[in-house]
Amino acid sequence: QVQLVESGGGLVQAGGSLRLSCAASGRTFSNYALGWFRQAPGKAREFVADISASGGSTSYADSVKGRCTISRDNAKNTMYLQMNNLKPDDTAVYYCVAPSIGLWGQGTQVTVSS
């Protein structure tokens, strides 16, 4: 079964850091661009960052630019999102996605306390 599984979420104080991971199983994802989205309570799901299949190209939402870094290790079939200087507005469920095949993970909760 093909799936994406996120991990690394948790509760952190404002200014802290977290690294999210997205592990792919059941298929080799080195040929696919991947991305992170997030959804805060009562809000629509929004784009956070994405990365090309090779990892050579990345893009970020303005809200996280300069604070987050997306990366991937194709040998491990894993994508990461390093988040620094976290703010309460970053509180959300974070999802990884393989857009070209419409595959989403189940999400991992990030809560930032002020």
Protein backbone atom coordinates (compact mmCIF):
# COMPACT_ATOMS: atom_id res chain seq x y z
CA GLN A 1 0.00 0.00 0.00
CA VAL A 2 1.38 3.38 -1.01
CA GLN A 3 1.38 5.90 1.80
CA LEU A 4 2.98 8.99 3.28
CA VAL A 5 3.49 9.14 7.04
CA GLU A 6 4.33 12.37 8.84
CA SER A 7 6.08 12.59 12.20
CA GLY A 8 7.91 15.10 14.35
CA GLY A 9 5.06 17.33 15.41
CA GLY A 10 4.53 18.41 18.98
CA LEU A 11 4.18 21.26 21.42
CA VAL A 12 6.85 23.94 21.40
CA GLN A 13 7.20 27.45 22.78
CA ALA A 14 7.32 30.45 20.50
CA GLY A 15 10.81 30.87 19.13
CA GLY A 16 11.48 27.16 19.24
CA SER A 17 12.18 24.68 16.46
CA LEU A 18 10.78 21.44 15.13
CA ARG A 19 11.73 19.13 12.29
CA LEU A 20 8.92 17.32 10.56
CA SER A 21 9.52 14.17 8.57
CA CYS A 22 7.47 12.55 5.84
CA ALA A 23 8.31 8.93 5.12
CA ALA A 24 7.07 7.35 1.93
CA SER A 25 6.44 3.66 1.68
CA GLY A 26 5.16 1.31 -0.95
CA ARG A 27 6.65 3.29 -3.81
CA THR A 28 9.89 5.03 -4.71
CA PHE A 29 9.19 8.73 -4.58
CA SER A 30 12.44 9.98 -6.04
CA ASN A 31 10.63 10.80 -9.28
CA TYR A 32 7.99 12.96 -7.64
CA ALA A 33 7.87 16.52 -6.39
CA LEU A 34 6.65 16.67 -2.80
CA GLY A 35 5.21 19.35 -0.60
CA TRP A 36 3.97 20.43 2.80
CA PHE A 37 0.59 22.00 3.53
CA ARG A 38 -0.98 22.97 6.84
CA GLN A 39 -4.44 23.53 8.20
CA ALA A 40 -5.19 25.60 11.28
CA PRO A 41 -8.49 25.24 13.16
CA GLY A 42 -11.30 26.95 11.27
CA LYS A 43 -9.08 27.79 8.31
CA ALA A 44 -8.52 26.38 4.86
CA ARG A 45 -5.57 24.16 4.13
CA GLU A 46 -2.67 26.27 2.87
CA PHE A 47 0.59 25.72 1.05
CA VAL A 48 3.78 25.79 3.10
CA ALA A 49 6.62 24.60 0.87
CA ASP A 50 7.48 22.24 -1.93
CA ILE A 51 10.53 20.57 -3.39
CA SER A 52 11.31 19.13 -6.80
CA ALA A 53 11.99 15.45 -7.38
CA SER A 54 15.75 15.96 -7.34
CA GLY A 55 15.64 18.38 -4.44
CA GLY A 56 17.28 21.07 -6.51
CA SER A 57 14.32 23.43 -6.54
CA THR A 58 12.25 24.61 -3.59
CA SER A 59 9.59 27.20 -2.94
CA TYR A 60 7.99 28.60 0.21
CA ALA A 61 4.93 30.48 1.34
CA ASP A 62 5.73 34.05 2.34
CA SER A 63 4.55 33.29 5.84
CA VAL A 64 7.36 30.78 6.45
CA LYS A 65 10.09 32.04 4.14
CA GLY A 66 13.34 32.50 6.01
CA ARG A 67 12.15 30.37 8.92
CA CYS A 68 11.59 27.00 7.28
CA THR A 69 13.73 24.74 5.12
CA ILE A 70 12.37 21.87 3.06
CA SER A 71 14.68 19.04 2.08
CA ARG A 72 14.58 15.41 1.04
CA ASP A 73 16.71 12.31 1.16
CA ASN A 74 15.68 10.15 -1.78
CA ALA A 75 17.84 7.27 -0.59
CA LYS A 76 15.66 7.14 2.52
CA ASN A 77 12.40 8.00 0.73
CA THR A 78 11.95 10.79 3.26
CA MET A 79 11.19 14.49 3.11
CA TYR A 80 11.79 16.99 5.90
CA LEU A 81 10.60 20.40 7.02
CA GLN A 82 12.90 22.20 9.43
CA MET A 83 10.96 24.95 11.17
CA ASN A 84 12.74 27.60 13.23
CA ASN A 85 11.60 30.65 15.17
CA LEU A 86 8.13 29.18 15.42
CA LYS A 87 5.19 31.48 16.08
CA PRO A 88 1.73 30.78 17.53
CA ASP A 89 0.31 31.37 14.03
CA ASP A 90 2.23 28.29 12.89
CA THR A 91 -0.09 26.12 14.99
CA ALA A 92 -1.76 23.70 12.59
CA VAL A 93 -1.90 20.15 11.37
CA TYR A 94 0.91 19.70 8.85
CA TYR A 95 0.42 17.40 5.88
CA CYS A 96 2.85 16.09 3.32
CA VAL A 97 1.66 15.53 -0.22
CA ALA A 98 2.75 14.07 -3.53
CA PRO A 99 0.70 16.39 -5.75
CA SER A 100 1.14 14.59 -9.04
CA ILE A 101 -0.52 11.46 -7.70
CA GLY A 102 -2.87 13.17 -5.24
CA LEU A 103 -1.47 11.34 -2.24
CA TRP A 104 -1.69 12.93 1.23
CA GLY A 105 -0.39 11.85 4.59
CA GLN A 106 -2.54 11.73 7.70
CA GLY A 107 -0.99 14.86 9.22
CA THR A 108 1.01 15.73 12.31
CA GLN A 109 -0.03 18.35 14.86
CA VAL A 110 2.21 21.32 15.56
CA THR A 111 1.25 23.55 18.48
CA VAL A 112 3.20 26.68 19.31
CA SER A 113 2.52 28.30 22.66
CA SER A 114 3.07 31.98 23.29
